[in-house]
Amino acid sequence: MKRSVLGVLVDTCDYTSATEQIMKAAADRRGFAVTALAVHGVMAGVTDRVLCQQLNSFDLVTPDGQPVRWALNLLHRAGLRDRVYGPELALRVVAAAAGARLPVYFYGSTAATLHQLSTALRRRYPDLIIAGAEPSKFRGGSLTEATRIAERITSSGARVVLVGLGCPRQERFVYAMRPLLPMPVLAVGAAFAYHAGELRVPPRWMQQHALEWAWRLGHEPRRLWRRYAFANPAFLALLGAQKSRVWPAAPPPAAVRPPAMVPV
């Protein structure tokens, strides 16, 4: 069930229900857009109305960050006991795909990261079938190019696509791919880097107490300091406004798809 967090619709789901929905779409050969949003992703939707419309058209938006889970519980009495973290959801989907012998496709990051990721996941899940792994070109492209990417993915025999481009670029990509691919497409954030062994996973206690931002800031201060310095306080202020009904945070109207340009 979708609920508004600052106007961005987030599903009140857990790992089991999210994985089941994704694998059902894969089995049915049905397009299914998925992302896992933390505070940064929600605030990106707050500040970009078009992106918010796109996010609100997704089939599944999971509460990636603990503050987003807390917001669902505070605003809507969701009763969620845990978040649905993108890297962990990616692992569960990969494990389910390996068990069902459904090929997966990785899109994004660099060739080196994808090689390490594929090696690590094959070692962890011997039955995993990797239909393809395509690095990002780190630039915008035309809708024609997006169609060619979709054709490559479809012709590979893939049944699930995992996308690691960083937020919000990956969400725009998944939005553009949604009508082009008959399979679930998941934006999984830093999952590629984590599971390739390039980034260290934060300790469990930091994840449980919403301190992952501090862990990541310590490892990537130049890239992330602006995100956490502005997004986190703004999120808390707007959450208070929504709770007190000073700001209703009504979701904007549905977007018109597909966009003219997509990040590839």
Protein backbone atom coordinates (compact mmCIF):
# COMPACT_ATOMS: atom_id res chain seq x y z
CA MET A 1 0.00 0.00 0.00
CA LYS A 2 1.37 3.41 -0.99
CA ARG A 3 1.52 6.30 1.46
CA SER A 4 2.71 9.87 1.02
CA VAL A 5 6.01 10.92 2.56
CA LEU A 6 6.37 14.61 1.67
CA GLY A 7 4.37 13.95 -1.51
CA VAL A 8 6.44 10.96 -2.60
CA LEU A 9 4.47 7.71 -2.53
CA VAL A 10 6.30 4.96 -0.64
CA ASP A 11 5.04 1.39 -0.19
CA THR A 12 4.45 0.01 3.29
CA CYS A 13 6.21 -3.27 2.53
CA ASP A 14 8.83 -5.63 3.94
CA TYR A 15 11.58 -7.67 2.27
CA THR A 16 9.37 -10.71 1.78
CA SER A 17 6.48 -8.91 0.09
CA ALA A 18 8.82 -6.77 -2.04
CA THR A 19 10.78 -9.80 -3.26
CA GLU A 20 7.59 -11.74 -3.97
CA GLN A 21 6.13 -8.90 -6.04
CA ILE A 22 9.32 -8.56 -8.07
CA MET A 23 9.65 -12.29 -8.74
CA LYS A 24 5.95 -12.55 -9.66
CA ALA A 25 6.50 -9.86 -12.30
CA ALA A 26 9.59 -11.71 -13.55
CA ALA A 27 7.66 -14.98 -13.82
CA ASP A 28 4.83 -13.20 -15.65
CA ARG A 29 7.24 -11.36 -17.99
CA ARG A 30 5.65 -8.09 -16.90
CA GLY A 31 7.16 -4.62 -16.69
CA PHE A 32 7.64 -3.59 -13.06
CA ALA A 33 9.52 -0.47 -11.92
CA VAL A 34 11.17 -0.60 -8.49
CA THR A 35 13.32 1.69 -6.40
CA ALA A 36 14.41 1.90 -2.77
CA LEU A 37 14.32 5.46 -1.45
CA ALA A 38 16.27 6.90 1.45
CA VAL A 39 16.03 10.52 2.61
CA HIS A 40 18.09 11.77 -0.33
CA GLY A 41 15.73 10.13 -2.83
CA VAL A 42 12.61 11.48 -1.13
CA MET A 43 14.07 15.00 -1.01
CA ALA A 44 15.05 14.76 -4.67
CA GLY A 45 11.37 14.13 -5.38
CA VAL A 46 10.35 17.05 -3.16
CA THR A 47 12.58 19.50 -5.01
CA ASP A 48 11.90 18.15 -8.54
CA ARG A 49 8.20 17.94 -9.37
CA VAL A 50 8.76 15.95 -12.58
CA LEU A 51 10.91 13.41 -10.74
CA CYS A 52 8.24 13.15 -8.04
CA GLN A 53 5.63 12.38 -10.70
CA GLN A 54 7.91 9.72 -12.15
CA LEU A 55 8.56 8.13 -8.76
CA ASN A 56 4.85 8.08 -8.02
CA SER A 57 4.25 6.05 -11.18
CA PHE A 58 6.60 3.26 -10.01
CA ASP A 59 5.07 -0.10 -9.21
CA LEU A 60 7.07 -0.43 -5.99
CA VAL A 61 8.96 2.16 -3.91
CA THR A 62 10.47 0.66 -0.77
CA PRO A 63 11.52 2.56 2.39
CA ASP A 64 15.28 2.21 2.00
CA GLY A 65 16.31 4.44 4.89
CA GLN A 66 15.33 4.10 8.53
CA PRO A 67 14.06 7.73 8.59
CA VAL A 68 11.71 6.92 5.70
CA ARG A 69 10.42 3.88 7.62
CA TRP A 70 9.99 6.03 10.72
CA ALA A 71 8.09 8.59 8.63
CA LEU A 72 5.67 5.92 7.39
CA ASN A 73 5.11 4.74 10.95
CA LEU A 74 4.71 8.29 12.30
CA LEU A 75 2.44 9.63 9.56
CA HIS A 76 0.46 6.55 8.62
CA ARG A 77 0.83 4.06 11.50
CA ALA A 78 2.38 1.57 9.08
CA GLY A 79 3.86 -0.57 11.85
CA LEU A 80 6.98 -1.38 9.83
CA ARG A 81 9.65 -3.15 11.88
CA ASP A 82 12.46 -2.77 9.36
CA ARG A 83 13.36 -0.82 6.27
CA VAL A 84 13.73 -2.43 2.84
CA TYR A 85 17.33 -1.54 2.03
CA GLY A 86 18.30 -1.47 -1.66
CA PRO A 87 21.52 -3.53 -1.40
CA GLU A 88 19.83 -6.17 0.75
CA LEU A 89 16.76 -6.29 -1.52
CA ALA A 90 19.10 -6.71 -4.50
CA LEU A 91 20.72 -9.73 -2.83
CA ARG A 92 17.36 -11.30 -2.04
CA VAL A 93 16.15 -10.82 -5.60
CA VAL A 94 19.38 -12.24 -7.02
CA ALA A 95 19.08 -15.25 -4.70
CA ALA A 96 15.45 -15.80 -5.74
CA ALA A 97 16.35 -15.45 -9.42
CA ALA A 98 19.17 -17.97 -9.02
CA GLY A 99 16.80 -20.40 -7.34
CA ALA A 100 14.23 -19.99 -10.10
CA ARG A 101 16.89 -20.08 -12.84
CA LEU A 102 15.79 -16.68 -14.14
CA PRO A 103 18.64 -14.75 -15.81
CA VAL A 104 19.57 -11.32 -14.46
CA TYR A 105 21.10 -8.29 -16.17
CA PHE A 106 23.22 -5.57 -14.55
CA TYR A 107 23.23 -2.03 -15.93
CA GLY A 108 25.34 0.86 -14.66
CA SER A 109 28.59 1.64 -12.88
CA THR A 110 31.89 0.72 -14.59
CA ALA A 111 33.13 -2.37 -16.41
CA ALA A 112 35.58 -3.10 -13.59
CA THR A 113 32.88 -2.89 -10.91
CA LEU A 114 30.52 -5.09 -12.94
CA HIS A 115 33.24 -7.71 -13.38
CA GLN A 116 33.91 -7.81 -9.62
CA LEU A 117 30.17 -7.85 -8.91
CA SER A 118 29.51 -10.73 -11.30
CA THR A 119 32.42 -12.73 -9.88
CA ALA A 120 31.30 -12.19 -6.27
CA LEU A 121 27.65 -13.04 -6.95
CA ARG A 122 28.48 -16.18 -8.97
CA ARG A 123 30.65 -17.33 -6.08
CA ARG A 124 27.83 -16.67 -3.61
CA TYR A 125 25.04 -18.10 -5.80
CA PRO A 126 26.44 -20.87 -8.04
CA ASP A 127 23.10 -21.29 -9.86
CA LEU A 128 22.94 -17.61 -10.82
CA ILE A 129 22.57 -16.93 -14.55
CA ILE A 130 23.94 -13.52 -15.60
CA ALA A 131 22.50 -12.66 -19.00
CA GLY A 132 24.59 -9.52 -19.35
CA ALA A 133 26.40 -6.67 -17.61
CA GLU A 134 26.55 -3.26 -19.28
CA PRO A 135 28.41 -0.27 -17.83
CA SER A 136 26.95 3.23 -17.94
CA LYS A 137 28.23 5.75 -20.46
CA PHE A 138 27.80 8.46 -17.79
CA ARG A 139 25.99 10.85 -20.09
CA GLY A 140 22.50 11.62 -21.29
CA GLY A 141 21.13 9.92 -24.38
CA SER A 142 18.17 10.02 -26.71
CA LEU A 143 15.04 7.93 -26.45
CA THR A 144 16.30 6.03 -29.51
CA GLU A 145 19.39 5.02 -27.55
CA ALA A 146 17.20 3.95 -24.64
CA THR A 147 15.27 1.75 -27.06
CA ARG A 148 18.50 0.13 -28.23
CA ILE A 149 19.51 -0.57 -24.62
CA ALA A 150 16.11 -2.16 -24.03
CA GLU A 151 16.54 -4.29 -27.15
CA ARG A 152 19.95 -5.52 -25.93
CA ILE A 153 18.54 -6.40 -22.53
CA THR A 154 15.53 -8.21 -23.99
CA SER A 155 17.59 -10.15 -26.54
CA SER A 156 19.96 -11.30 -23.77
CA GLY A 157 17.19 -13.43 -22.31
CA ALA A 158 17.21 -11.50 -19.02
CA ARG A 159 14.16 -11.69 -16.76
CA VAL A 160 15.28 -9.23 -14.07
CA VAL A 161 17.34 -6.03 -14.46
CA LEU A 162 19.29 -4.37 -11.66
CA VAL A 163 20.35 -0.76 -12.23
CA GLY A 164 23.12 1.01 -10.33
CA LEU A 165 23.45 4.62 -11.50
CA GLY A 166 23.00 6.58 -8.28
CA CYS A 167 19.94 8.56 -7.23
CA PRO A 168 18.09 10.19 -8.97
CA ARG A 169 19.73 9.22 -12.26
CA GLN A 170 18.85 5.56 -11.86
CA GLU A 171 15.19 6.36 -11.10
CA ARG A 172 14.89 8.38 -14.30
CA PHE A 173 16.45 5.49 -16.20
CA VAL A 174 14.08 2.92 -14.68
CA TYR A 175 11.14 5.22 -15.45
CA ALA A 176 12.18 5.37 -19.10
CA MET A 177 12.73 1.61 -19.30
CA ARG A 178 9.40 0.71 -17.69
CA PRO A 179 7.35 0.70 -20.94
CA LEU A 180 10.20 -0.85 -22.96
CA LEU A 181 11.03 -3.96 -20.94
CA PRO A 182 8.74 -6.90 -20.10
CA MET A 183 10.45 -7.58 -16.77
CA PRO A 184 11.11 -5.96 -13.40
CA VAL A 185 13.73 -3.19 -13.41
CA LEU A 186 15.21 -2.30 -10.00
CA ALA A 187 17.15 0.83 -9.05
CA VAL A 188 19.48 -0.46 -6.33
CA GLY A 189 21.75 2.49 -5.56
CA ALA A 190 25.14 1.60 -4.09
CA ALA A 191 24.42 -2.16 -4.19
CA PHE A 192 26.86 -2.76 -7.05
CA ALA A 193 29.75 -1.12 -5.21
CA TYR A 194 28.90 -2.85 -1.92
CA HIS A 195 28.56 -6.34 -3.35
CA ALA A 196 31.58 -5.90 -5.63
CA GLY A 197 33.62 -5.23 -2.48
CA GLU A 198 34.46 -1.62 -3.37
CA LEU A 199 32.54 -0.11 -0.45
CA ARG A 200 32.45 -1.48 3.08
CA VAL A 201 28.99 -2.18 4.45
CA PRO A 202 28.17 -0.10 7.55
CA PRO A 203 27.97 -1.98 10.87
CA ARG A 204 24.54 -3.35 11.67
CA TRP A 205 24.09 -1.07 14.69
CA MET A 206 24.66 2.01 12.52
CA GLN A 207 22.09 0.79 10.00
CA GLN A 208 19.52 0.16 12.73
CA HIS A 209 19.98 3.62 14.25
CA ALA A 210 19.84 5.58 10.96
CA LEU A 211 23.56 6.39 11.08
CA GLU A 212 24.51 4.97 7.72
CA TRP A 213 24.76 8.53 6.41
CA ALA A 214 27.60 9.19 8.87
CA TRP A 215 29.40 6.05 7.73
CA ARG A 216 29.12 6.98 4.06
CA LEU A 217 30.04 10.61 4.74
CA GLY A 218 33.20 9.45 6.48
CA HIS A 219 34.16 7.40 3.43
CA GLU A 220 33.11 9.90 0.72
CA PRO A 221 33.09 13.36 2.35
CA ARG A 222 33.71 15.44 -0.76
CA ARG A 223 30.92 13.83 -2.75
CA LEU A 224 28.31 13.53 -0.02
CA TRP A 225 28.68 16.44 2.41
CA ARG A 226 26.20 18.69 0.60
CA ARG A 227 23.63 15.92 0.42
CA TYR A 228 23.61 15.31 4.16
CA ALA A 229 24.14 18.91 5.26
CA PHE A 230 20.98 20.10 3.51
CA ALA A 231 18.74 17.11 2.77
CA ASN A 232 18.57 15.61 6.27
CA PRO A 233 17.53 18.78 8.17
CA ALA A 234 15.07 19.72 5.42
CA PHE A 235 13.51 16.25 5.58
CA LEU A 236 12.96 16.50 9.33
CA ALA A 237 11.48 20.00 9.05
CA LEU A 238 9.06 19.02 6.30
CA LEU A 239 8.15 15.80 8.09
CA GLY A 240 7.13 17.88 11.09
CA ALA A 241 5.08 20.14 8.82
CA GLN A 242 3.30 17.16 7.26
CA LYS A 243 2.62 15.59 10.65
CA SER A 244 1.13 18.82 11.98
CA ARG A 245 -0.78 19.32 8.71
CA VAL A 246 0.83 22.69 8.15
CA TRP A 247 1.92 21.28 4.80
CA PRO A 248 -0.37 18.57 3.36
CA ALA A 249 2.29 17.09 1.04
CA ALA A 250 -0.26 15.96 -1.53
CA PRO A 251 1.28 13.90 -4.35
CA PRO A 252 1.41 15.75 -7.71
CA PRO A 253 -0.59 14.45 -10.70
CA ALA A 254 0.72 11.43 -12.59
CA ALA A 255 3.51 12.02 -15.08
CA VAL A 256 3.32 11.58 -18.83
CA ARG A 257 5.76 8.97 -20.07
CA PRO A 258 8.22 8.43 -21.59
CA PRO A 259 10.61 11.38 -21.08
CA ALA A 260 12.38 12.86 -24.07
CA MET A 261 15.86 12.23 -22.67
CA VAL A 262 17.12 9.48 -20.38
CA PRO A 263 20.44 8.96 -18.57
CA VAL A 264 22.33 6.07 -20.07
